Amino acid sequence: MSALNGLDWHAVSAHYQQRAEIHQRLIGLYQQQRALQFANLLLGISDPAGNYSASEHGLGPQVLSANPNAVQRLYNLARGFISLRSAREVPFLIRQTGLR
């Protein structure tokens, strides 16, 4: 028996739709240069679906308070992700941002 047989495909589809909607919201906020709203969604503050792990562990407010100019730094990190040419660049981008 396959592990896929036990899945609730309606729940899988709903979760996928939710993630796709969050992605579109993030893109819209980024394109509108709404950096604060973008960061709050990216960190799961304004909507837990934006970042389940950060929301669950309360990391969003910690990131914002522990890092000077965190909102702009997250926005700049997104710019780096948008222009990625290779997944190998990801660790460099994250380190370059210098966020705790």
N, C-alpha and C. Protein backbone atom coordinates (compact mmCIF):
# COMPACT_ATOMS: atom_id res chain seq x y z
N MET A 1 0.85 -1.19 0.00
CA MET A 1 0.00 0.00 0.00
C MET A 1 0.89 1.25 0.00
N SER A 2 0.58 2.16 -0.84
CA SER A 2 1.34 3.40 -0.98
C SER A 2 0.96 4.38 0.12
N ALA A 3 1.93 5.17 0.57
CA ALA A 3 1.67 6.22 1.55
C ALA A 3 0.71 7.26 0.98
N LEU A 4 0.67 7.38 -0.33
CA LEU A 4 -0.23 8.35 -0.96
C LEU A 4 -1.70 7.98 -0.82
N ASN A 5 -1.97 6.68 -0.63
CA ASN A 5 -3.36 6.23 -0.49
C ASN A 5 -4.02 6.78 0.77
N GLY A 6 -3.23 7.08 1.78
CA GLY A 6 -3.79 7.56 3.04
C GLY A 6 -3.98 9.06 3.12
N LEU A 7 -3.64 9.77 2.06
CA LEU A 7 -3.76 11.22 2.08
C LEU A 7 -5.18 11.69 1.82
N ASP A 8 -5.54 12.77 2.47
CA ASP A 8 -6.81 13.45 2.20
C ASP A 8 -6.53 14.46 1.09
N TRP A 9 -6.85 14.07 -0.14
CA TRP A 9 -6.49 14.89 -1.29
C TRP A 9 -7.20 16.23 -1.32
N HIS A 10 -8.35 16.33 -0.69
CA HIS A 10 -9.03 17.64 -0.60
C HIS A 10 -8.22 18.56 0.31
N ALA A 11 -7.70 18.02 1.40
CA ALA A 11 -6.87 18.82 2.31
C ALA A 11 -5.55 19.20 1.63
N VAL A 12 -4.97 18.29 0.88
CA VAL A 12 -3.73 18.57 0.16
C VAL A 12 -3.97 19.70 -0.84
N SER A 13 -5.05 19.61 -1.58
CA SER A 13 -5.38 20.64 -2.56
C SER A 13 -5.64 21.99 -1.88
N ALA A 14 -6.36 21.99 -0.78
CA ALA A 14 -6.65 23.23 -0.06
C ALA A 14 -5.36 23.87 0.46
N HIS A 15 -4.47 23.04 0.98
CA HIS A 15 -3.19 23.55 1.49
C HIS A 15 -2.36 24.14 0.34
N TYR A 16 -2.33 23.45 -0.77
CA TYR A 16 -1.60 23.95 -1.93
C TYR A 16 -2.17 25.30 -2.37
N GLN A 17 -3.49 25.40 -2.44
CA GLN A 17 -4.13 26.65 -2.84
C GLN A 17 -3.76 27.78 -1.88
N GLN A 18 -3.77 27.48 -0.60
CA GLN A 18 -3.41 28.49 0.40
C GLN A 18 -1.97 28.96 0.19
N ARG A 19 -1.06 28.03 -0.04
CA ARG A 19 0.35 28.38 -0.26
C ARG A 19 0.51 29.20 -1.54
N ALA A 20 -0.22 28.84 -2.58
CA ALA A 20 -0.15 29.60 -3.84
C ALA A 20 -0.68 31.02 -3.64
N GLU A 21 -1.74 31.17 -2.86
CA GLU A 21 -2.29 32.50 -2.57
C GLU A 21 -1.30 33.34 -1.77
N ILE A 22 -0.65 32.75 -0.79
CA ILE A 22 0.36 33.46 0.00
C ILE A 22 1.49 33.92 -0.92
N HIS A 23 1.92 33.05 -1.80
CA HIS A 23 2.98 33.40 -2.75
C HIS A 23 2.58 34.62 -3.58
N GLN A 24 1.35 34.62 -4.08
CA GLN A 24 0.88 35.75 -4.88
C GLN A 24 0.80 37.02 -4.04
N ARG A 25 0.36 36.90 -2.80
CA ARG A 25 0.32 38.07 -1.91
C ARG A 25 1.71 38.62 -1.67
N LEU A 26 2.68 37.73 -1.43
CA LEU A 26 4.06 38.17 -1.22
C LEU A 26 4.60 38.89 -2.46
N ILE A 27 4.34 38.33 -3.62
CA ILE A 27 4.80 38.97 -4.86
C ILE A 27 4.16 40.35 -5.00
N GLY A 28 2.86 40.43 -4.74
CA GLY A 28 2.17 41.71 -4.85
C GLY A 28 2.73 42.75 -3.89
N LEU A 29 2.93 42.36 -2.64
CA LEU A 29 3.48 43.29 -1.66
C LEU A 29 4.89 43.72 -2.04
N TYR A 30 5.67 42.78 -2.55
CA TYR A 30 7.03 43.11 -2.99
C TYR A 30 6.98 44.11 -4.15
N GLN A 31 6.17 43.83 -5.14
CA GLN A 31 6.09 44.70 -6.31
C GLN A 31 5.55 46.09 -5.97
N GLN A 32 4.67 46.16 -4.96
CA GLN A 32 4.11 47.44 -4.53
C GLN A 32 5.04 48.16 -3.56
N GLN A 33 6.18 47.55 -3.27
CA GLN A 33 7.18 48.10 -2.36
C GLN A 33 6.62 48.35 -0.97
N ARG A 34 5.75 47.47 -0.54
CA ARG A 34 5.16 47.55 0.79
C ARG A 34 5.99 46.65 1.72
N ALA A 35 7.19 47.13 2.02
CA ALA A 35 8.20 46.33 2.71
C ALA A 35 7.74 45.83 4.08
N LEU A 36 7.08 46.66 4.86
CA LEU A 36 6.64 46.24 6.19
C LEU A 36 5.60 45.13 6.10
N GLN A 37 4.60 45.31 5.26
CA GLN A 37 3.58 44.28 5.09
C GLN A 37 4.19 43.00 4.52
N PHE A 38 5.13 43.16 3.61
CA PHE A 38 5.84 42.02 3.04
C PHE A 38 6.57 41.25 4.14
N ALA A 39 7.33 41.94 4.95
CA ALA A 39 8.09 41.30 6.02
C ALA A 39 7.17 40.62 7.03
N ASN A 40 6.06 41.27 7.38
CA ASN A 40 5.13 40.68 8.35
C ASN A 40 4.50 39.40 7.83
N LEU A 41 4.22 39.34 6.55
CA LEU A 41 3.68 38.12 5.97
C LEU A 41 4.77 37.07 5.83
N LEU A 42 5.93 37.49 5.38
CA LEU A 42 7.06 36.58 5.20
C LEU A 42 7.46 35.89 6.50
N LEU A 43 7.30 36.60 7.61
CA LEU A 43 7.66 36.06 8.93
C LEU A 43 6.48 35.41 9.65
N GLY A 44 5.34 35.31 8.99
CA GLY A 44 4.19 34.66 9.60
C GLY A 44 3.52 35.49 10.68
N ILE A 45 3.76 36.79 10.70
CA ILE A 45 3.17 37.65 11.73
C ILE A 45 1.74 38.01 11.36
N SER A 46 1.52 38.49 10.15
CA SER A 46 0.18 38.91 9.74
C SER A 46 -0.70 37.73 9.33
N ASP A 47 -0.08 36.62 8.97
CA ASP A 47 -0.82 35.41 8.60
C ASP A 47 0.12 34.22 8.83
N PRO A 48 -0.24 33.32 9.72
CA PRO A 48 0.62 32.17 9.99
C PRO A 48 0.99 31.37 8.75
N ALA A 49 0.14 31.39 7.74
CA ALA A 49 0.42 30.64 6.51
C ALA A 49 1.61 31.23 5.74
N GLY A 50 1.99 32.45 6.06
CA GLY A 50 3.14 33.06 5.41
C GLY A 50 4.44 32.37 5.78
N ASN A 51 4.49 31.85 7.00
CA ASN A 51 5.68 31.13 7.47
C ASN A 51 5.25 30.36 8.71
N TYR A 52 4.80 29.12 8.48
CA TYR A 52 4.26 28.32 9.58
C TYR A 52 5.24 28.16 10.73
N SER A 53 6.47 27.85 10.43
CA SER A 53 7.46 27.59 11.47
C SER A 53 7.74 28.85 12.29
N ALA A 54 7.98 29.96 11.61
CA ALA A 54 8.25 31.21 12.31
C ALA A 54 7.05 31.61 13.17
N SER A 55 5.86 31.42 12.65
CA SER A 55 4.65 31.75 13.41
C SER A 55 4.52 30.86 14.65
N GLU A 56 4.70 29.58 14.45
CA GLU A 56 4.56 28.62 15.54
C GLU A 56 5.54 28.88 16.67
N HIS A 57 6.74 29.31 16.34
CA HIS A 57 7.77 29.52 17.34
C HIS A 57 7.96 30.99 17.73
N GLY A 58 7.11 31.87 17.22
CA GLY A 58 7.20 33.29 17.57
C GLY A 58 8.47 33.95 17.07
N LEU A 59 9.01 33.47 15.96
CA LEU A 59 10.28 33.99 15.47
C LEU A 59 10.17 35.33 14.77
N GLY A 60 9.03 35.63 14.18
CA GLY A 60 8.88 36.87 13.43
C GLY A 60 9.22 38.10 14.26
N PRO A 61 8.56 38.30 15.40
CA PRO A 61 8.89 39.46 16.23
C PRO A 61 10.35 39.45 16.70
N GLN A 62 10.88 38.26 16.94
CA GLN A 62 12.30 38.16 17.36
C GLN A 62 13.22 38.65 16.25
N VAL A 63 12.96 38.22 15.02
CA VAL A 63 13.79 38.65 13.89
C VAL A 63 13.72 40.17 13.74
N LEU A 64 12.52 40.73 13.84
CA LEU A 64 12.37 42.17 13.66
C LEU A 64 13.06 42.95 14.78
N SER A 65 12.97 42.46 16.00
CA SER A 65 13.55 43.22 17.12
C SER A 65 15.06 43.00 17.26
N ALA A 66 15.58 41.87 16.80
CA ALA A 66 17.00 41.56 17.00
C ALA A 66 17.90 42.05 15.87
N ASN A 67 17.32 42.58 14.82
CA ASN A 67 18.11 42.97 13.65
C ASN A 67 17.80 44.40 13.23
N PRO A 68 18.79 45.27 13.28
CA PRO A 68 18.57 46.63 12.80
C PRO A 68 18.12 46.62 11.34
N ASN A 69 17.16 47.45 11.03
CA ASN A 69 16.66 47.60 9.66
C ASN A 69 16.22 46.25 9.06
N ALA A 70 15.63 45.40 9.90
CA ALA A 70 15.26 44.05 9.48
C ALA A 70 14.27 44.04 8.32
N VAL A 71 13.32 44.94 8.33
CA VAL A 71 12.31 44.95 7.26
C VAL A 71 12.97 45.16 5.91
N GLN A 72 13.84 46.15 5.82
CA GLN A 72 14.50 46.43 4.55
C GLN A 72 15.46 45.30 4.18
N ARG A 73 16.10 44.71 5.16
CA ARG A 73 17.03 43.62 4.89
C ARG A 73 16.28 42.40 4.34
N LEU A 74 15.09 42.12 4.86
CA LEU A 74 14.27 41.02 4.34
C LEU A 74 13.80 41.32 2.92
N TYR A 75 13.41 42.56 2.71
CA TYR A 75 12.98 42.98 1.38
C TYR A 75 14.13 42.82 0.37
N ASN A 76 15.33 43.22 0.78
CA ASN A 76 16.51 43.08 -0.08
C ASN A 76 16.85 41.60 -0.32
N LEU A 77 16.66 40.78 0.70
CA LEU A 77 16.88 39.34 0.54
C LEU A 77 15.94 38.77 -0.52
N ALA A 78 14.69 39.22 -0.49
CA ALA A 78 13.73 38.78 -1.50
C ALA A 78 14.20 39.16 -2.89
N ARG A 79 14.75 40.35 -3.04
CA ARG A 79 15.26 40.77 -4.34
C ARG A 79 16.34 39.80 -4.81
N GLY A 80 17.19 39.36 -3.88
CA GLY A 80 18.22 38.39 -4.22
C GLY A 80 17.63 37.06 -4.65
N PHE A 81 16.56 36.63 -3.97
CA PHE A 81 15.92 35.37 -4.34
C PHE A 81 15.28 35.45 -5.72
N ILE A 82 14.71 36.59 -6.03
CA ILE A 82 14.06 36.76 -7.32
C ILE A 82 15.06 36.64 -8.46
N SER A 83 16.27 37.11 -8.24
CA SER A 83 17.26 37.09 -9.32
C SER A 83 18.19 35.87 -9.27
N LEU A 84 17.86 34.88 -8.46
CA LEU A 84 18.69 33.68 -8.36
C LEU A 84 18.88 32.99 -9.70
N ARG A 85 20.08 32.53 -9.91
CA ARG A 85 20.38 31.74 -11.09
C ARG A 85 20.61 30.28 -10.71
N SER A 86 20.95 30.05 -9.44
CA SER A 86 21.27 28.70 -8.98
C SER A 86 20.93 28.57 -7.50
N ALA A 87 20.46 27.40 -7.12
CA ALA A 87 20.15 27.15 -5.71
C ALA A 87 21.41 27.23 -4.85
N ARG A 88 22.56 27.05 -5.46
CA ARG A 88 23.82 27.13 -4.71
C ARG A 88 24.08 28.53 -4.16
N GLU A 89 23.40 29.52 -4.69
CA GLU A 89 23.58 30.91 -4.24
C GLU A 89 22.81 31.19 -2.94
N VAL A 90 21.86 30.34 -2.58
CA VAL A 90 20.99 30.60 -1.43
C VAL A 90 21.77 30.80 -0.13
N PRO A 91 22.68 29.90 0.24
CA PRO A 91 23.41 30.12 1.50
C PRO A 91 24.16 31.45 1.53
N PHE A 92 24.78 31.82 0.40
CA PHE A 92 25.49 33.09 0.31
C PHE A 92 24.53 34.26 0.53
N LEU A 93 23.38 34.23 -0.13
CA LEU A 93 22.40 35.32 0.02
C LEU A 93 21.97 35.47 1.48
N ILE A 94 21.70 34.36 2.11
CA ILE A 94 21.23 34.41 3.50
C ILE A 94 22.34 34.93 4.41
N ARG A 95 23.55 34.44 4.25
CA ARG A 95 24.67 34.93 5.07
C ARG A 95 24.92 36.41 4.81
N GLN A 96 24.84 36.81 3.57
CA GLN A 96 25.08 38.20 3.18
C GLN A 96 24.10 39.15 3.87
N THR A 97 22.87 38.70 4.07
CA THR A 97 21.86 39.52 4.72
C THR A 97 22.23 39.79 6.17
N GLY A 98 22.88 38.83 6.81
CA GLY A 98 23.36 39.02 8.18
C GLY A 98 22.27 39.04 9.24
N LEU A 99 21.14 38.46 8.96
CA LEU A 99 20.06 38.43 9.96
C LEU A 99 20.31 37.32 10.98
N ARG A 100 19.96 37.61 12.21
CA ARG A 100 20.03 36.58 13.25
C ARG A 100 18.75 35.81 13.28
